[in-house]
Amino acid sequence: MMESQADLDRMFHALSDRSRRGMIDRLGRGPASVTELAAPLAVALPTVMKHLQVLEESGLVFSEKSGRVRTYRLQQDALAAVERWVEQRKIQWTTTFDRLNHFLANETETLPE
């Protein structure tokens, strides 16, 4: 699945906040209710809800409501998209640095002493 730049922007924006990354870490261990996600955070419940809204709008998580309990889960495909983007950049930079190292090694060999 190919993500648009806007999709990636939303995902990286969502991941730019420490509290939201903590929620993602927690959801990595399994589904959690709003109360469970709010417990380790020193913020008001409305703030937690705003963080969850950002995560859901980014596509990184989804929620289901059963009775009065809303449960959140990771959207694995979205996390895989972020991972693919990072991996592609890693390959590009590794290749660039390898070429630079090769160039510098050859330049050093040709320098007069």
N, C-alpha and C. Protein backbone atom coordinates (compact mmCIF):
# COMPACT_ATOMS: atom_id res chain seq x y z
N MET A 1 0.85 -1.18 0.00
CA MET A 1 0.00 0.00 0.00
C MET A 1 0.90 1.24 0.00
N MET A 2 0.65 2.16 -0.90
CA MET A 2 1.45 3.37 -1.01
C MET A 2 0.72 4.52 -0.31
N GLU A 3 1.39 5.11 0.65
CA GLU A 3 0.79 6.20 1.41
C GLU A 3 1.11 7.53 0.73
N SER A 4 0.16 8.44 0.82
CA SER A 4 0.41 9.78 0.27
C SER A 4 1.29 10.55 1.25
N GLN A 5 1.86 11.63 0.76
CA GLN A 5 2.67 12.48 1.63
C GLN A 5 1.82 13.03 2.77
N ALA A 6 0.56 13.35 2.49
CA ALA A 6 -0.33 13.87 3.55
C ALA A 6 -0.56 12.81 4.63
N ASP A 7 -0.70 11.54 4.22
CA ASP A 7 -0.87 10.46 5.20
C ASP A 7 0.36 10.36 6.09
N LEU A 8 1.53 10.37 5.47
CA LEU A 8 2.77 10.29 6.24
C LEU A 8 2.94 11.50 7.15
N ASP A 9 2.57 12.68 6.65
CA ASP A 9 2.64 13.89 7.49
C ASP A 9 1.80 13.73 8.75
N ARG A 10 0.57 13.21 8.58
CA ARG A 10 -0.31 13.02 9.74
C ARG A 10 0.28 12.00 10.72
N MET A 11 0.85 10.93 10.18
CA MET A 11 1.43 9.91 11.05
C MET A 11 2.63 10.45 11.82
N PHE A 12 3.53 11.14 11.13
CA PHE A 12 4.70 11.69 11.82
C PHE A 12 4.31 12.79 12.80
N HIS A 13 3.30 13.58 12.46
CA HIS A 13 2.81 14.58 13.42
C HIS A 13 2.29 13.89 14.67
N ALA A 14 1.52 12.83 14.48
CA ALA A 14 0.98 12.09 15.63
C ALA A 14 2.11 11.52 16.48
N LEU A 15 3.17 11.05 15.84
CA LEU A 15 4.29 10.45 16.57
C LEU A 15 5.23 11.49 17.18
N SER A 16 5.02 12.75 16.87
CA SER A 16 5.93 13.79 17.36
C SER A 16 5.72 14.14 18.83
N ASP A 17 4.66 13.63 19.42
CA ASP A 17 4.35 13.95 20.81
C ASP A 17 4.68 12.76 21.72
N ARG A 18 5.37 13.03 22.81
CA ARG A 18 5.80 11.98 23.75
C ARG A 18 4.62 11.20 24.33
N SER A 19 3.55 11.89 24.69
CA SER A 19 2.38 11.20 25.26
C SER A 19 1.77 10.25 24.24
N ARG A 20 1.66 10.70 22.99
CA ARG A 20 1.09 9.83 21.96
C ARG A 20 2.00 8.65 21.68
N ARG A 21 3.32 8.87 21.69
CA ARG A 21 4.24 7.73 21.50
C ARG A 21 4.09 6.74 22.65
N GLY A 22 3.87 7.25 23.85
CA GLY A 22 3.64 6.36 24.99
C GLY A 22 2.38 5.53 24.80
N MET A 23 1.35 6.15 24.26
CA MET A 23 0.11 5.41 23.99
C MET A 23 0.35 4.34 22.94
N ILE A 24 1.13 4.67 21.91
CA ILE A 24 1.46 3.68 20.88
C ILE A 24 2.24 2.53 21.50
N ASP A 25 3.20 2.84 22.37
CA ASP A 25 3.96 1.79 23.06
C ASP A 25 3.03 0.90 23.86
N ARG A 26 2.11 1.51 24.59
CA ARG A 26 1.16 0.73 25.41
C ARG A 26 0.30 -0.16 24.52
N LEU A 27 -0.19 0.39 23.41
CA LEU A 27 -1.04 -0.39 22.51
C LEU A 27 -0.25 -1.50 21.81
N GLY A 28 1.07 -1.39 21.79
CA GLY A 28 1.89 -2.46 21.25
C GLY A 28 1.80 -3.73 22.08
N ARG A 29 1.36 -3.61 23.31
CA ARG A 29 1.18 -4.78 24.18
C ARG A 29 -0.24 -5.33 24.10
N GLY A 30 -1.11 -4.64 23.35
CA GLY A 30 -2.48 -5.11 23.19
C GLY A 30 -3.48 -3.97 23.32
N PRO A 31 -4.74 -4.27 23.03
CA PRO A 31 -5.79 -3.25 23.11
C PRO A 31 -5.88 -2.65 24.50
N ALA A 32 -6.36 -1.40 24.56
CA ALA A 32 -6.50 -0.72 25.85
C ALA A 32 -7.66 0.26 25.80
N SER A 33 -8.28 0.42 26.95
CA SER A 33 -9.37 1.39 27.07
C SER A 33 -8.78 2.78 27.26
N VAL A 34 -9.63 3.79 27.13
CA VAL A 34 -9.21 5.17 27.35
C VAL A 34 -8.63 5.31 28.75
N THR A 35 -9.28 4.72 29.73
CA THR A 35 -8.82 4.80 31.12
C THR A 35 -7.43 4.20 31.27
N GLU A 36 -7.21 3.05 30.64
CA GLU A 36 -5.89 2.41 30.72
C GLU A 36 -4.82 3.25 30.04
N LEU A 37 -5.17 3.88 28.94
CA LEU A 37 -4.20 4.72 28.23
C LEU A 37 -3.92 6.00 28.99
N ALA A 38 -4.91 6.50 29.73
CA ALA A 38 -4.75 7.75 30.48
C ALA A 38 -3.98 7.55 31.77
N ALA A 39 -4.02 6.35 32.34
CA ALA A 39 -3.45 6.10 33.67
C ALA A 39 -2.01 6.59 33.85
N PRO A 40 -1.08 6.29 32.94
CA PRO A 40 0.30 6.72 33.17
C PRO A 40 0.57 8.20 32.86
N LEU A 41 -0.41 8.88 32.31
CA LEU A 41 -0.20 10.28 31.90
C LEU A 41 -0.69 11.23 32.98
N ALA A 42 0.05 12.29 33.19
CA ALA A 42 -0.33 13.30 34.19
C ALA A 42 -1.08 14.44 33.51
N VAL A 43 -2.13 14.08 32.77
CA VAL A 43 -2.93 15.08 32.07
C VAL A 43 -4.41 14.78 32.27
N ALA A 44 -5.24 15.78 32.03
CA ALA A 44 -6.69 15.62 32.18
C ALA A 44 -7.25 14.72 31.08
N LEU A 45 -8.37 14.08 31.37
CA LEU A 45 -9.00 13.16 30.42
C LEU A 45 -9.31 13.84 29.08
N PRO A 46 -9.79 15.09 29.05
CA PRO A 46 -10.01 15.72 27.74
C PRO A 46 -8.73 15.82 26.90
N THR A 47 -7.60 16.01 27.55
CA THR A 47 -6.32 16.06 26.83
C THR A 47 -5.99 14.69 26.25
N VAL A 48 -6.24 13.64 27.03
CA VAL A 48 -6.03 12.28 26.55
C VAL A 48 -6.90 12.02 25.33
N MET A 49 -8.15 12.47 25.40
CA MET A 49 -9.08 12.26 24.28
C MET A 49 -8.58 12.98 23.02
N LYS A 50 -8.03 14.18 23.19
CA LYS A 50 -7.49 14.90 22.03
C LYS A 50 -6.31 14.15 21.43
N HIS A 51 -5.44 13.61 22.29
CA HIS A 51 -4.31 12.82 21.79
C HIS A 51 -4.81 11.59 21.02
N LEU A 52 -5.81 10.93 21.56
CA LEU A 52 -6.35 9.75 20.90
C LEU A 52 -7.01 10.12 19.57
N GLN A 53 -7.64 11.27 19.52
CA GLN A 53 -8.24 11.73 18.27
C GLN A 53 -7.17 11.96 17.21
N VAL A 54 -6.05 12.57 17.60
CA VAL A 54 -4.94 12.78 16.66
C VAL A 54 -4.42 11.44 16.15
N LEU A 55 -4.24 10.48 17.07
CA LEU A 55 -3.75 9.16 16.67
C LEU A 55 -4.73 8.46 15.73
N GLU A 56 -6.01 8.59 16.03
CA GLU A 56 -7.02 7.92 15.19
C GLU A 56 -7.11 8.60 13.82
N GLU A 57 -7.08 9.92 13.79
CA GLU A 57 -7.13 10.64 12.51
C GLU A 57 -5.90 10.38 11.65
N SER A 58 -4.79 10.07 12.29
CA SER A 58 -3.56 9.77 11.55
C SER A 58 -3.60 8.37 10.95
N GLY A 59 -4.51 7.54 11.44
CA GLY A 59 -4.60 6.17 10.96
C GLY A 59 -3.73 5.20 11.73
N LEU A 60 -3.04 5.67 12.77
CA LEU A 60 -2.16 4.79 13.55
C LEU A 60 -2.92 3.88 14.50
N VAL A 61 -4.10 4.31 14.93
CA VAL A 61 -4.92 3.50 15.83
C VAL A 61 -6.36 3.54 15.35
N PHE A 62 -7.14 2.59 15.84
CA PHE A 62 -8.59 2.63 15.61
C PHE A 62 -9.26 2.23 16.91
N SER A 63 -10.53 2.57 17.02
CA SER A 63 -11.24 2.28 18.27
C SER A 63 -12.56 1.59 17.98
N GLU A 64 -13.02 0.89 19.00
CA GLU A 64 -14.32 0.23 18.98
C GLU A 64 -15.00 0.54 20.30
N LYS A 65 -16.30 0.75 20.22
CA LYS A 65 -17.04 1.03 21.44
C LYS A 65 -17.94 -0.15 21.75
N SER A 66 -17.86 -0.61 22.98
CA SER A 66 -18.72 -1.69 23.46
C SER A 66 -19.36 -1.21 24.75
N GLY A 67 -20.63 -0.90 24.68
CA GLY A 67 -21.29 -0.31 25.85
C GLY A 67 -20.73 1.06 26.12
N ARG A 68 -20.21 1.24 27.32
CA ARG A 68 -19.65 2.54 27.70
C ARG A 68 -18.12 2.59 27.56
N VAL A 69 -17.54 1.49 27.10
CA VAL A 69 -16.07 1.41 27.04
C VAL A 69 -15.59 1.53 25.59
N ARG A 70 -14.69 2.46 25.35
CA ARG A 70 -14.05 2.59 24.04
C ARG A 70 -12.66 1.98 24.15
N THR A 71 -12.38 1.02 23.27
CA THR A 71 -11.11 0.31 23.27
C THR A 71 -10.33 0.69 22.02
N TYR A 72 -9.04 0.96 22.21
CA TYR A 72 -8.16 1.35 21.11
C TYR A 72 -7.21 0.22 20.78
N ARG A 73 -6.89 0.12 19.48
CA ARG A 73 -5.94 -0.87 18.99
C ARG A 73 -5.02 -0.21 17.97
N LEU A 74 -3.82 -0.79 17.84
CA LEU A 74 -2.89 -0.31 16.81
C LEU A 74 -3.39 -0.70 15.43
N GLN A 75 -3.15 0.17 14.47
CA GLN A 75 -3.40 -0.13 13.06
C GLN A 75 -2.05 -0.55 12.48
N GLN A 76 -1.82 -1.85 12.43
CA GLN A 76 -0.50 -2.38 12.06
C GLN A 76 -0.03 -1.91 10.69
N ASP A 77 -0.94 -1.80 9.72
CA ASP A 77 -0.55 -1.37 8.38
C ASP A 77 0.03 0.04 8.38
N ALA A 78 -0.53 0.91 9.21
CA ALA A 78 -0.03 2.29 9.27
C ALA A 78 1.38 2.32 9.86
N LEU A 79 1.60 1.55 10.91
CA LEU A 79 2.95 1.50 11.49
C LEU A 79 3.94 0.92 10.49
N ALA A 80 3.50 -0.04 9.71
CA ALA A 80 4.37 -0.62 8.69
C ALA A 80 4.72 0.42 7.63
N ALA A 81 3.78 1.32 7.32
CA ALA A 81 4.05 2.39 6.35
C ALA A 81 5.14 3.33 6.86
N VAL A 82 5.08 3.67 8.13
CA VAL A 82 6.12 4.53 8.73
C VAL A 82 7.46 3.80 8.68
N GLU A 83 7.44 2.53 9.02
CA GLU A 83 8.67 1.74 9.00
C GLU A 83 9.26 1.67 7.59
N ARG A 84 8.41 1.47 6.58
CA ARG A 84 8.89 1.42 5.19
C ARG A 84 9.54 2.75 4.79
N TRP A 85 8.91 3.87 5.17
CA TRP A 85 9.44 5.18 4.82
C TRP A 85 10.83 5.36 5.44
N VAL A 86 10.95 5.02 6.72
CA VAL A 86 12.23 5.16 7.42
C VAL A 86 13.27 4.24 6.78
N GLU A 87 12.89 3.02 6.48
CA GLU A 87 13.83 2.06 5.88
C GLU A 87 14.32 2.54 4.52
N GLN A 88 13.41 3.11 3.71
CA GLN A 88 13.82 3.63 2.40
C GLN A 88 14.85 4.75 2.57
N ARG A 89 14.64 5.62 3.53
CA ARG A 89 15.59 6.71 3.77
C ARG A 89 16.92 6.16 4.27
N LYS A 90 16.85 5.14 5.11
CA LYS A 90 18.08 4.51 5.62
C LYS A 90 18.90 3.94 4.47
N ILE A 91 18.25 3.27 3.55
CA ILE A 91 18.95 2.69 2.39
C ILE A 91 19.58 3.81 1.56
N GLN A 92 18.82 4.87 1.31
CA GLN A 92 19.36 5.99 0.52
C GLN A 92 20.59 6.59 1.18
N TRP A 93 20.50 6.85 2.48
CA TRP A 93 21.62 7.48 3.18
C TRP A 93 22.81 6.54 3.30
N THR A 94 22.57 5.28 3.51
CA THR A 94 23.66 4.31 3.58
C THR A 94 24.40 4.26 2.25
N THR A 95 23.65 4.22 1.16
CA THR A 95 24.26 4.20 -0.17
C THR A 95 25.06 5.48 -0.41
N THR A 96 24.50 6.62 -0.05
CA THR A 96 25.19 7.90 -0.23
C THR A 96 26.49 7.94 0.57
N PHE A 97 26.43 7.52 1.82
CA PHE A 97 27.63 7.55 2.66
C PHE A 97 28.67 6.52 2.19
N ASP A 98 28.21 5.38 1.70
CA ASP A 98 29.15 4.40 1.16
C ASP A 98 29.90 4.97 -0.04
N ARG A 99 29.16 5.66 -0.93
CA ARG A 99 29.81 6.28 -2.09
C ARG A 99 30.78 7.37 -1.65
N LEU A 100 30.39 8.16 -0.66
CA LEU A 100 31.27 9.21 -0.16
C LEU A 100 32.54 8.61 0.44
N ASN A 101 32.39 7.56 1.24
CA ASN A 101 33.56 6.89 1.83
C ASN A 101 34.49 6.36 0.74
N HIS A 102 33.89 5.76 -0.29
CA HIS A 102 34.69 5.23 -1.40
C HIS A 102 35.42 6.38 -2.10
N PHE A 103 34.73 7.47 -2.36
CA PHE A 103 35.34 8.64 -3.01
C PHE A 103 36.49 9.18 -2.17
N LEU A 104 36.26 9.36 -0.88
CA LEU A 104 37.29 9.91 0.00
C LEU A 104 38.49 8.98 0.11
N ALA A 105 38.24 7.69 0.14
CA ALA A 105 39.35 6.73 0.20
C ALA A 105 40.20 6.83 -1.06
N ASN A 106 39.56 6.96 -2.22
CA ASN A 106 40.30 7.10 -3.48
C ASN A 106 41.03 8.42 -3.54
N GLU A 107 40.44 9.48 -3.04
CA GLU A 107 41.09 10.80 -3.04
C GLU A 107 42.33 10.78 -2.15
N THR A 108 42.24 10.12 -1.02
CA THR A 108 43.36 10.04 -0.09
C THR A 108 44.53 9.31 -0.74
N GLU A 109 44.23 8.27 -1.51
CA GLU A 109 45.28 7.50 -2.18
C GLU A 109 45.98 8.32 -3.25
N THR A 110 45.29 9.28 -3.85
CA THR A 110 45.88 10.05 -4.96
C THR A 110 46.53 11.35 -4.51
N LEU A 111 46.45 11.68 -3.24
CA LEU A 111 47.07 12.91 -2.74
C LEU A 111 48.59 12.77 -2.72
N PRO A 112 49.30 13.82 -3.17
CA PRO A 112 50.77 13.75 -3.10
C PRO A 112 51.23 13.87 -1.65
N GLU A 113 52.31 13.23 -1.37
CA GLU A 113 52.84 13.26 0.01
C GLU A 113 53.85 14.33 0.21
